[in-house]
Amino acid sequence: MAIAVFAGSALVMVARQTWSTSQGAHGPIVLLSGLWLLWREWLRAPAGRGDMRFAVGALLPLLAVYVLAMTVGAVWPLWISMALSLMSVLYAIAGMAAMRALWFPLLYLLWAVPPPSWVTAPLTDFLTDWLSTVSVDLLWMTGFDVARSGVDLYIDQYELRMADACAGLNSLFSLFAIGMFYIYLRHRADWRYAAILALVVPPVAVLANLARVLILMLMTHAMGDAVAQGFLHGTTGMLMFIVALIALMGIDAALSPLRRRLARA
């Protein structure tokens, strides 16, 4: 009951401020899949006993951060402090052996809330500039009348703005979380191959978003700005996420000879 009250207040704030936005839309999926995986691994974890004094010592500063974050409405510190508090409780109940068995579900749940914009701003700026440059260059080489000025893209008589939400960071966080979930379930026994496949996830997410920008510009060229920026704008985002996830599975299948070679080594 205490955990339900403790976590419930944080979940309400997170749902209102983060999960209702495009950047945090993947949060409920990560939360539900992470809780399922945590319960699954908990049933297999070795029984033990933790150090209550260490747990209480860790909880005191974490609870202070939790209260402060709840007061000022800082969602990311709130989520991190809540998750670390629950980890301390689990450690006090089950001990270090169980925590080692639960390391991935516990870290995976942290991805349910993306970092704030002041943390991700440098990467967002880089991706925005790179995507706008590459998309315009590719269309120019294929004969389209395109240009750009900063994050403003021009095709024919239309102007498109490369917003931060279109920089690919949303899909990068979402695909990385879901991709790591897939890799853990499929290849947790072979950590070397799992590490190699994890390195593939960020490029796949970025290239999928580049494809989305190109598709939106071509749709604007063919059907006008109103069509491309309407219903189809959100549809292409979901479609590219699905395509990126399928591409990750396809790369996994293509790398199966490497996986078998590493398994024999």
C-alpha atoms as a PDB file:
ATOM      1  CA  MET A   1       0.000   0.000   0.000  1.00  0.00           C
ATOM      2  CA  ALA A   2       2.852   2.375   0.809  1.00  0.00           C
ATOM      3  CA  ILE A   3       4.498   1.729  -2.554  1.00  0.00           C
ATOM      4  CA  ALA A   4       1.163   2.248  -4.338  1.00  0.00           C
ATOM      5  CA  VAL A   5       0.650   5.627  -2.654  1.00  0.00           C
ATOM      6  CA  PHE A   6       4.288   6.600  -3.185  1.00  0.00           C
ATOM      7  CA  ALA A   7       4.366   5.660  -6.862  1.00  0.00           C
ATOM      8  CA  GLY A   8       0.768   6.620  -7.660  1.00  0.00           C
ATOM      9  CA  SER A   9       1.278  10.348  -7.079  1.00  0.00           C
ATOM     10  CA  ALA A  10       4.383  10.339  -9.283  1.00  0.00           C
ATOM     11  CA  LEU A  11       2.619   8.398 -12.047  1.00  0.00           C
ATOM     12  CA  VAL A  12      -0.227  10.908 -12.141  1.00  0.00           C
ATOM     13  CA  MET A  13       2.195  13.801 -12.591  1.00  0.00           C
ATOM     14  CA  VAL A  14       4.245  11.928 -15.194  1.00  0.00           C
ATOM     15  CA  ALA A  15       1.128  10.965 -17.169  1.00  0.00           C
ATOM     16  CA  ARG A  16      -0.090  14.561 -17.258  1.00  0.00           C
ATOM     17  CA  GLN A  17       3.190  16.301 -18.048  1.00  0.00           C
ATOM     18  CA  THR A  18       5.269  13.805 -20.048  1.00  0.00           C
ATOM     19  CA  TRP A  19       3.329  10.833 -21.376  1.00  0.00           C
ATOM     20  CA  SER A  20       0.789  13.119 -23.044  1.00  0.00           C
ATOM     21  CA  THR A  21       3.544  14.596 -25.254  1.00  0.00           C
ATOM     22  CA  SER A  22       5.203  13.135 -28.339  1.00  0.00           C
ATOM     23  CA  GLN A  23       8.564  12.937 -26.552  1.00  0.00           C
ATOM     24  CA  GLY A  24       7.214  10.729 -23.756  1.00  0.00           C
ATOM     25  CA  ALA A  25       4.504   8.818 -25.602  1.00  0.00           C
ATOM     26  CA  HIS A  26       6.506   5.591 -25.297  1.00  0.00           C
ATOM     27  CA  GLY A  27       6.430   5.817 -21.487  1.00  0.00           C
ATOM     28  CA  PRO A  28       3.337   3.662 -20.790  1.00  0.00           C
ATOM     29  CA  ILE A  29       4.679   0.906 -23.056  1.00  0.00           C
ATOM     30  CA  VAL A  30       8.030   0.932 -21.267  1.00  0.00           C
ATOM     31  CA  LEU A  31       6.329   0.971 -17.859  1.00  0.00           C
ATOM     32  CA  LEU A  32       4.012  -1.975 -18.556  1.00  0.00           C
ATOM     33  CA  SER A  33       6.649  -4.089 -20.302  1.00  0.00           C
ATOM     34  CA  GLY A  34       9.205  -3.211 -17.604  1.00  0.00           C
ATOM     35  CA  LEU A  35       6.867  -4.182 -14.761  1.00  0.00           C
ATOM     36  CA  TRP A  36       6.083  -7.462 -16.511  1.00  0.00           C
ATOM     37  CA  LEU A  37       9.786  -8.185 -16.967  1.00  0.00           C
ATOM     38  CA  LEU A  38      10.531  -7.178 -13.361  1.00  0.00           C
ATOM     39  CA  TRP A  39       7.895  -9.594 -12.064  1.00  0.00           C
ATOM     40  CA  ARG A  40       9.178 -12.340 -14.390  1.00  0.00           C
ATOM     41  CA  GLU A  41      12.755 -11.961 -13.237  1.00  0.00           C
ATOM     42  CA  TRP A  42      11.714 -11.528  -9.586  1.00  0.00           C
ATOM     43  CA  LEU A  43      10.179 -15.018  -9.594  1.00  0.00           C
ATOM     44  CA  ARG A  44      13.526 -16.413 -10.795  1.00  0.00           C
ATOM     45  CA  ALA A  45      15.781 -14.285  -8.606  1.00  0.00           C
ATOM     46  CA  PRO A  46      17.679 -15.985  -5.750  1.00  0.00           C
ATOM     47  CA  ALA A  47      16.308 -15.317  -2.284  1.00  0.00           C
ATOM     48  CA  GLY A  48      18.450 -13.322   0.109  1.00  0.00           C
ATOM     49  CA  ARG A  49      18.489 -10.507   2.623  1.00  0.00           C
ATOM     50  CA  GLY A  50      19.760  -6.995   2.204  1.00  0.00           C
ATOM     51  CA  ASP A  51      21.188  -4.434   4.590  1.00  0.00           C
ATOM     52  CA  MET A  52      18.327  -2.384   6.024  1.00  0.00           C
ATOM     53  CA  ARG A  53      20.703   0.291   7.321  1.00  0.00           C
ATOM     54  CA  PHE A  54      22.073   0.921   3.829  1.00  0.00           C
ATOM     55  CA  ALA A  55      18.574   1.016   2.378  1.00  0.00           C
ATOM     56  CA  VAL A  56      17.358   3.544   4.943  1.00  0.00           C
ATOM     57  CA  GLY A  57      20.471   5.666   4.454  1.00  0.00           C
ATOM     58  CA  ALA A  58      19.847   5.743   0.697  1.00  0.00           C
ATOM     59  CA  LEU A  59      16.136   6.443   1.102  1.00  0.00           C
ATOM     60  CA  LEU A  60      16.499   9.610   3.161  1.00  0.00           C
ATOM     61  CA  PRO A  61      18.170  11.801   0.476  1.00  0.00           C
ATOM     62  CA  LEU A  62      16.083  10.179  -2.266  1.00  0.00           C
ATOM     63  CA  LEU A  63      12.869  11.018  -0.456  1.00  0.00           C
ATOM     64  CA  ALA A  64      14.063  14.603  -0.063  1.00  0.00           C
ATOM     65  CA  VAL A  65      14.615  14.834  -3.835  1.00  0.00           C
ATOM     66  CA  TYR A  66      11.222  13.173  -4.411  1.00  0.00           C
ATOM     67  CA  VAL A  67       9.383  15.735  -2.250  1.00  0.00           C
ATOM     68  CA  LEU A  68      11.239  18.671  -3.810  1.00  0.00           C
ATOM     69  CA  ALA A  69      10.590  17.421  -7.350  1.00  0.00           C
ATOM     70  CA  MET A  70       6.928  16.838  -6.561  1.00  0.00           C
ATOM     71  CA  THR A  71       6.648  20.351  -5.153  1.00  0.00           C
ATOM     72  CA  VAL A  72       8.206  22.139  -8.138  1.00  0.00           C
ATOM     73  CA  GLY A  73       6.840  19.752 -10.787  1.00  0.00           C
ATOM     74  CA  ALA A  74      10.209  18.466 -12.021  1.00  0.00           C
ATOM     75  CA  VAL A  75       9.165  15.202 -13.662  1.00  0.00           C
ATOM     76  CA  TRP A  76      12.523  13.639 -14.516  1.00  0.00           C
ATOM     77  CA  PRO A  77      14.132  14.040 -11.034  1.00  0.00           C
ATOM     78  CA  LEU A  78      10.832  12.836  -9.577  1.00  0.00           C
ATOM     79  CA  TRP A  79      10.908   9.661 -11.671  1.00  0.00           C
ATOM     80  CA  ILE A  80      14.584   8.945 -11.013  1.00  0.00           C
ATOM     81  CA  SER A  81      14.257   9.460  -7.264  1.00  0.00           C
ATOM     82  CA  MET A  82      11.150   7.279  -7.139  1.00  0.00           C
ATOM     83  CA  ALA A  83      12.814   4.483  -9.115  1.00  0.00           C
ATOM     84  CA  LEU A  84      15.976   4.578  -6.992  1.00  0.00           C
ATOM     85  CA  SER A  85      13.862   4.561  -3.827  1.00  0.00           C
ATOM     86  CA  LEU A  86      12.039   1.443  -4.968  1.00  0.00           C
ATOM     87  CA  MET A  87      15.405  -0.148  -5.816  1.00  0.00           C
ATOM     88  CA  SER A  88      16.549   0.540  -2.244  1.00  0.00           C
ATOM     89  CA  VAL A  89      13.427  -1.150  -0.896  1.00  0.00           C
ATOM     90  CA  LEU A  90      13.965  -4.160  -3.149  1.00  0.00           C
ATOM     91  CA  TYR A  91      17.558  -4.398  -1.993  1.00  0.00           C
ATOM     92  CA  ALA A  92      16.460  -4.349   1.660  1.00  0.00           C
ATOM     93  CA  ILE A  93      13.980  -7.166   0.960  1.00  0.00           C
ATOM     94  CA  ALA A  94      15.924  -9.431  -1.364  1.00  0.00           C
ATOM     95  CA  GLY A  95      19.636  -8.559  -1.130  1.00  0.00           C
ATOM     96  CA  MET A  96      22.370  -8.012  -3.689  1.00  0.00           C
ATOM     97  CA  ALA A  97      22.039 -11.381  -5.440  1.00  0.00           C
ATOM     98  CA  ALA A  98      18.455 -10.576  -6.405  1.00  0.00           C
ATOM     99  CA  MET A  99      19.414  -7.064  -7.495  1.00  0.00           C
ATOM    100  CA  ARG A 100      22.015  -8.466  -9.865  1.00  0.00           C
ATOM    101  CA  ALA A 101      19.311 -10.650 -11.393  1.00  0.00           C
ATOM    102  CA  LEU A 102      16.982  -7.660 -11.743  1.00  0.00           C
ATOM    103  CA  TRP A 103      19.494  -5.156 -13.108  1.00  0.00           C
ATOM    104  CA  PHE A 104      18.016  -4.875 -16.609  1.00  0.00           C
ATOM    105  CA  PRO A 105      14.315  -4.440 -15.682  1.00  0.00           C
ATOM    106  CA  LEU A 106      15.262  -1.813 -13.104  1.00  0.00           C
ATOM    107  CA  LEU A 107      17.408   0.178 -15.546  1.00  0.00           C
ATOM    108  CA  TYR A 108      14.877  -0.320 -18.332  1.00  0.00           C
ATOM    109  CA  LEU A 109      12.133   1.295 -16.238  1.00  0.00           C
ATOM    110  CA  LEU A 110      14.198   4.486 -16.005  1.00  0.00           C
ATOM    111  CA  TRP A 111      13.561   5.008 -19.742  1.00  0.00           C
ATOM    112  CA  ALA A 112       9.827   5.434 -19.132  1.00  0.00           C
ATOM    113  CA  VAL A 113      10.508   9.157 -18.666  1.00  0.00           C
ATOM    114  CA  PRO A 114      12.900  10.825 -21.134  1.00  0.00           C
ATOM    115  CA  PRO A 115      15.483  13.324 -19.876  1.00  0.00           C
ATOM    116  CA  PRO A 116      14.482  17.014 -19.909  1.00  0.00           C
ATOM    117  CA  SER A 117      15.287  19.245 -22.851  1.00  0.00           C
ATOM    118  CA  TRP A 118      18.216  20.957 -21.094  1.00  0.00           C
ATOM    119  CA  VAL A 119      19.968  17.579 -20.968  1.00  0.00           C
ATOM    120  CA  THR A 120      19.233  16.565 -24.552  1.00  0.00           C
ATOM    121  CA  ALA A 121      19.557  20.020 -26.180  1.00  0.00           C
ATOM    122  CA  PRO A 122      23.078  19.504 -27.667  1.00  0.00           C
ATOM    123  CA  LEU A 123      22.091  16.191 -29.265  1.00  0.00           C
ATOM    124  CA  THR A 124      18.788  17.659 -30.483  1.00  0.00           C
ATOM    125  CA  ASP A 125      20.570  20.583 -32.136  1.00  0.00           C
ATOM    126  CA  PHE A 126      23.054  18.268 -33.826  1.00  0.00           C
ATOM    127  CA  LEU A 127      20.353  15.924 -35.142  1.00  0.00           C
ATOM    128  CA  THR A 128      18.200  18.807 -36.345  1.00  0.00           C
ATOM    129  CA  ASP A 129      21.078  20.330 -38.312  1.00  0.00           C
ATOM    130  CA  TRP A 130      22.225  16.976 -39.710  1.00  0.00           C
ATOM    131  CA  LEU A 131      18.765  15.828 -40.791  1.00  0.00           C
ATOM    132  CA  SER A 132      17.916  19.127 -42.474  1.00  0.00           C
ATOM    133  CA  THR A 133      21.257  19.232 -44.311  1.00  0.00           C
ATOM    134  CA  VAL A 134      21.215  15.627 -45.520  1.00  0.00           C
ATOM    135  CA  SER A 135      17.549  15.634 -46.558  1.00  0.00           C
ATOM    136  CA  VAL A 136      17.972  18.806 -48.639  1.00  0.00           C
ATOM    137  CA  ASP A 137      21.201  17.536 -50.210  1.00  0.00           C
ATOM    138  CA  LEU A 138      19.640  14.203 -51.181  1.00  0.00           C
ATOM    139  CA  LEU A 139      16.586  15.805 -52.779  1.00  0.00           C
ATOM    140  CA  TRP A 140      18.737  18.401 -54.547  1.00  0.00           C
ATOM    141  CA  MET A 141      20.882  15.678 -56.114  1.00  0.00           C
ATOM    142  CA  THR A 142      17.749  13.956 -57.412  1.00  0.00           C
ATOM    143  CA  GLY A 143      16.491  17.097 -59.139  1.00  0.00           C
ATOM    144  CA  PHE A 144      14.022  18.647 -56.698  1.00  0.00           C
ATOM    145  CA  ASP A 145      13.838  22.394 -56.143  1.00  0.00           C
ATOM    146  CA  VAL A 146      14.868  22.474 -52.490  1.00  0.00           C
ATOM    147  CA  ALA A 147      16.874  24.700 -50.155  1.00  0.00           C
ATOM    148  CA  ARG A 148      17.310  25.352 -46.475  1.00  0.00           C
ATOM    149  CA  SER A 149      18.075  28.199 -44.113  1.00  0.00           C
ATOM    150  CA  GLY A 150      18.962  26.905 -40.670  1.00  0.00           C
ATOM    151  CA  VAL A 151      16.081  24.626 -39.674  1.00  0.00           C
ATOM    152  CA  ASP A 152      13.735  26.056 -42.317  1.00  0.00           C
ATOM    153  CA  LEU A 153      13.349  23.733 -45.309  1.00  0.00           C
ATOM    154  CA  TYR A 154      12.004  24.866 -48.685  1.00  0.00           C
ATOM    155  CA  ILE A 155      10.593  22.690 -51.439  1.00  0.00           C
ATOM    156  CA  ASP A 156       8.896  24.370 -54.388  1.00  0.00           C
ATOM    157  CA  GLN A 157       6.878  27.250 -52.915  1.00  0.00           C
ATOM    158  CA  TYR A 158       6.444  25.585 -49.530  1.00  0.00           C
ATOM    159  CA  GLU A 159       8.317  26.227 -46.291  1.00  0.00           C
ATOM    160  CA  LEU A 160       8.711  23.580 -43.579  1.00  0.00           C
ATOM    161  CA  ARG A 161      10.186  24.071 -40.123  1.00  0.00           C
ATOM    162  CA  MET A 162      12.407  21.325 -38.675  1.00  0.00           C
ATOM    163  CA  ALA A 163      11.105  21.440 -35.105  1.00  0.00           C
ATOM    164  CA  ASP A 164      12.879  19.795 -32.170  1.00  0.00           C
ATOM    165  CA  ALA A 165      10.180  17.104 -32.105  1.00  0.00           C
ATOM    166  CA  CYS A 166      11.171  16.164 -35.673  1.00  0.00           C
ATOM    167  CA  ALA A 167      14.872  15.823 -34.862  1.00  0.00           C
ATOM    168  CA  GLY A 168      14.533  12.113 -34.239  1.00  0.00           C
ATOM    169  CA  LEU A 169      15.311  12.181 -30.534  1.00  0.00           C
ATOM    170  CA  ASN A 170      11.816  10.973 -29.662  1.00  0.00           C
ATOM    171  CA  SER A 171      12.119   7.939 -31.909  1.00  0.00           C
ATOM    172  CA  LEU A 172      15.695   7.444 -30.733  1.00  0.00           C
ATOM    173  CA  PHE A 173      14.622   7.141 -27.088  1.00  0.00           C
ATOM    174  CA  SER A 174      11.595   5.026 -27.952  1.00  0.00           C
ATOM    175  CA  LEU A 175      13.410   2.636 -30.272  1.00  0.00           C
ATOM    176  CA  PHE A 176      16.398   2.340 -27.945  1.00  0.00           C
ATOM    177  CA  ALA A 177      14.143   1.364 -25.034  1.00  0.00           C
ATOM    178  CA  ILE A 178      12.058  -1.126 -27.022  1.00  0.00           C
ATOM    179  CA  GLY A 179      15.135  -2.360 -28.892  1.00  0.00           C
ATOM    180  CA  MET A 180      17.007  -3.082 -25.671  1.00  0.00           C
ATOM    181  CA  PHE A 181      13.928  -4.903 -24.372  1.00  0.00           C
ATOM    182  CA  TYR A 182      13.953  -7.076 -27.513  1.00  0.00           C
ATOM    183  CA  ILE A 183      17.708  -7.687 -27.296  1.00  0.00           C
ATOM    184  CA  TYR A 184      17.511  -8.648 -23.616  1.00  0.00           C
ATOM    185  CA  LEU A 185      14.743 -11.181 -24.197  1.00  0.00           C
ATOM    186  CA  ARG A 186      16.355 -12.677 -27.280  1.00  0.00           C
ATOM    187  CA  HIS A 187      20.088 -12.570 -26.529  1.00  0.00           C
ATOM    188  CA  ARG A 188      20.651 -12.011 -22.840  1.00  0.00           C
ATOM    189  CA  ALA A 189      22.753 -15.176 -22.644  1.00  0.00           C
ATOM    190  CA  ASP A 190      25.275 -13.839 -25.191  1.00  0.00           C
ATOM    191  CA  TRP A 191      26.321 -10.439 -23.894  1.00  0.00           C
ATOM    192  CA  ARG A 192      28.933  -9.845 -26.615  1.00  0.00           C
ATOM    193  CA  TYR A 193      26.421 -10.219 -29.436  1.00  0.00           C
ATOM    194  CA  ALA A 194      23.834  -8.246 -27.466  1.00  0.00           C
ATOM    195  CA  ALA A 195      26.322  -5.365 -27.136  1.00  0.00           C
ATOM    196  CA  ILE A 196      26.989  -5.398 -30.883  1.00  0.00           C
ATOM    197  CA  LEU A 197      23.283  -5.365 -31.700  1.00  0.00           C
ATOM    198  CA  ALA A 198      22.688  -2.550 -29.199  1.00  0.00           C
ATOM    199  CA  LEU A 199      25.151  -0.379 -31.153  1.00  0.00           C
ATOM    200  CA  VAL A 200      22.915  -0.768 -34.220  1.00  0.00           C
ATOM    201  CA  VAL A 201      19.847   0.739 -32.547  1.00  0.00           C
ATOM    202  CA  PRO A 202      20.784   4.482 -32.623  1.00  0.00           C
ATOM    203  CA  PRO A 203      21.779   4.540 -36.344  1.00  0.00           C
ATOM    204  CA  VAL A 204      18.593   2.685 -37.276  1.00  0.00           C
ATOM    205  CA  ALA A 205      16.484   5.232 -35.379  1.00  0.00           C
ATOM    206  CA  VAL A 206      18.255   8.209 -36.958  1.00  0.00           C
ATOM    207  CA  LEU A 207      18.037   6.795 -40.501  1.00  0.00           C
ATOM    208  CA  ALA A 208      14.352   5.990 -39.997  1.00  0.00           C
ATOM    209  CA  ASN A 209      13.727   9.604 -39.040  1.00  0.00           C
ATOM    210  CA  LEU A 210      15.698  10.795 -42.066  1.00  0.00           C
ATOM    211  CA  ALA A 211      13.362   8.679 -44.195  1.00  0.00           C
ATOM    212  CA  ARG A 212      10.416  10.344 -42.451  1.00  0.00           C
ATOM    213  CA  VAL A 213      11.692  13.848 -43.243  1.00  0.00           C
ATOM    214  CA  LEU A 214      12.248  12.885 -46.892  1.00  0.00           C
ATOM    215  CA  ILE A 215       8.764  11.380 -47.141  1.00  0.00           C
ATOM    216  CA  LEU A 216       7.157  14.493 -45.661  1.00  0.00           C
ATOM    217  CA  MET A 217       9.036  16.743 -48.086  1.00  0.00           C
ATOM    218  CA  LEU A 218       8.039  14.570 -51.047  1.00  0.00           C
ATOM    219  CA  MET A 219       4.424  14.530 -49.853  1.00  0.00           C
ATOM    220  CA  THR A 220       4.535  18.325 -49.607  1.00  0.00           C
ATOM    221  CA  HIS A 221       5.870  18.464 -53.167  1.00  0.00           C
ATOM    222  CA  ALA A 222       3.166  16.131 -54.478  1.00  0.00           C
ATOM    223  CA  MET A 223       0.085  17.043 -52.404  1.00  0.00           C
ATOM    224  CA  GLY A 224       0.755  20.393 -50.784  1.00  0.00           C
ATOM    225  CA  ASP A 225       1.579  21.622 -47.328  1.00  0.00           C
ATOM    226  CA  ALA A 226      -1.885  21.100 -45.820  1.00  0.00           C
ATOM    227  CA  VAL A 227      -1.877  17.373 -46.572  1.00  0.00           C
ATOM    228  CA  ALA A 228       1.675  16.689 -45.441  1.00  0.00           C
ATOM    229  CA  GLN A 229       1.304  18.618 -42.164  1.00  0.00           C
ATOM    230  CA  GLY A 230      -2.095  17.182 -41.314  1.00  0.00           C
ATOM    231  CA  PHE A 231      -3.040  13.641 -40.377  1.00  0.00           C
ATOM    232  CA  LEU A 232      -0.213  12.139 -42.432  1.00  0.00           C
ATOM    233  CA  HIS A 233       2.416  13.950 -40.343  1.00  0.00           C
ATOM    234  CA  GLY A 234       1.721  11.835 -37.254  1.00  0.00           C
ATOM    235  CA  THR A 235       1.059   8.728 -39.332  1.00  0.00           C
ATOM    236  CA  THR A 236       4.522   8.793 -40.880  1.00  0.00           C
ATOM    237  CA  GLY A 237       6.083   9.058 -37.423  1.00  0.00           C
ATOM    238  CA  MET A 238       4.371   5.881 -36.235  1.00  0.00           C
ATOM    239  CA  LEU A 239       5.081   4.139 -39.543  1.00  0.00           C
ATOM    240  CA  MET A 240       8.792   4.933 -39.366  1.00  0.00           C
ATOM    241  CA  PHE A 241       8.985   3.649 -35.792  1.00  0.00           C
ATOM    242  CA  ILE A 242       7.446   0.335 -36.893  1.00  0.00           C
ATOM    243  CA  VAL A 243       9.765   0.163 -39.901  1.00  0.00           C
ATOM    244  CA  ALA A 244      12.794   0.847 -37.686  1.00  0.00           C
ATOM    245  CA  LEU A 245      11.779  -1.909 -35.277  1.00  0.00           C
ATOM    246  CA  ILE A 246      11.300  -4.360 -38.147  1.00  0.00           C
ATOM    247  CA  ALA A 247      14.684  -3.289 -39.545  1.00  0.00           C
ATOM    248  CA  LEU A 248      16.315  -4.054 -36.189  1.00  0.00           C
ATOM    249  CA  MET A 249      14.808  -7.537 -36.246  1.00  0.00           C
ATOM    250  CA  GLY A 250      15.983  -7.965 -39.837  1.00  0.00           C
ATOM    251  CA  ILE A 251      19.537  -6.940 -38.900  1.00  0.00           C
ATOM    252  CA  ASP A 252      19.394  -9.407 -36.020  1.00  0.00           C
ATOM    253  CA  ALA A 253      18.443 -12.176 -38.441  1.00  0.00           C
ATOM    254  CA  ALA A 254      21.172 -11.146 -40.895  1.00  0.00           C
ATOM    255  CA  LEU A 255      23.792 -11.209 -38.124  1.00  0.00           C
ATOM    256  CA  SER A 256      22.860 -14.717 -37.001  1.00  0.00           C
ATOM    257  CA  PRO A 257      26.116 -16.192 -38.437  1.00  0.00           C
ATOM    258  CA  LEU A 258      28.073 -13.739 -36.281  1.00  0.00           C
ATOM    259  CA  ARG A 259      25.998 -14.717 -33.250  1.00  0.00           C
ATOM    260  CA  ARG A 260      26.727 -18.419 -33.814  1.00  0.00           C
ATOM    261  CA  ARG A 261      30.433 -17.683 -34.295  1.00  0.00           C
ATOM    262  CA  LEU A 262      30.569 -15.736 -31.022  1.00  0.00           C
ATOM    263  CA  ALA A 263      28.687 -18.499 -29.240  1.00  0.00           C
ATOM    264  CA  ARG A 264      31.317 -21.059 -30.323  1.00  0.00           C
ATOM    265  CA  ALA A 265      34.233 -18.805 -29.343  1.00  0.00           C
END
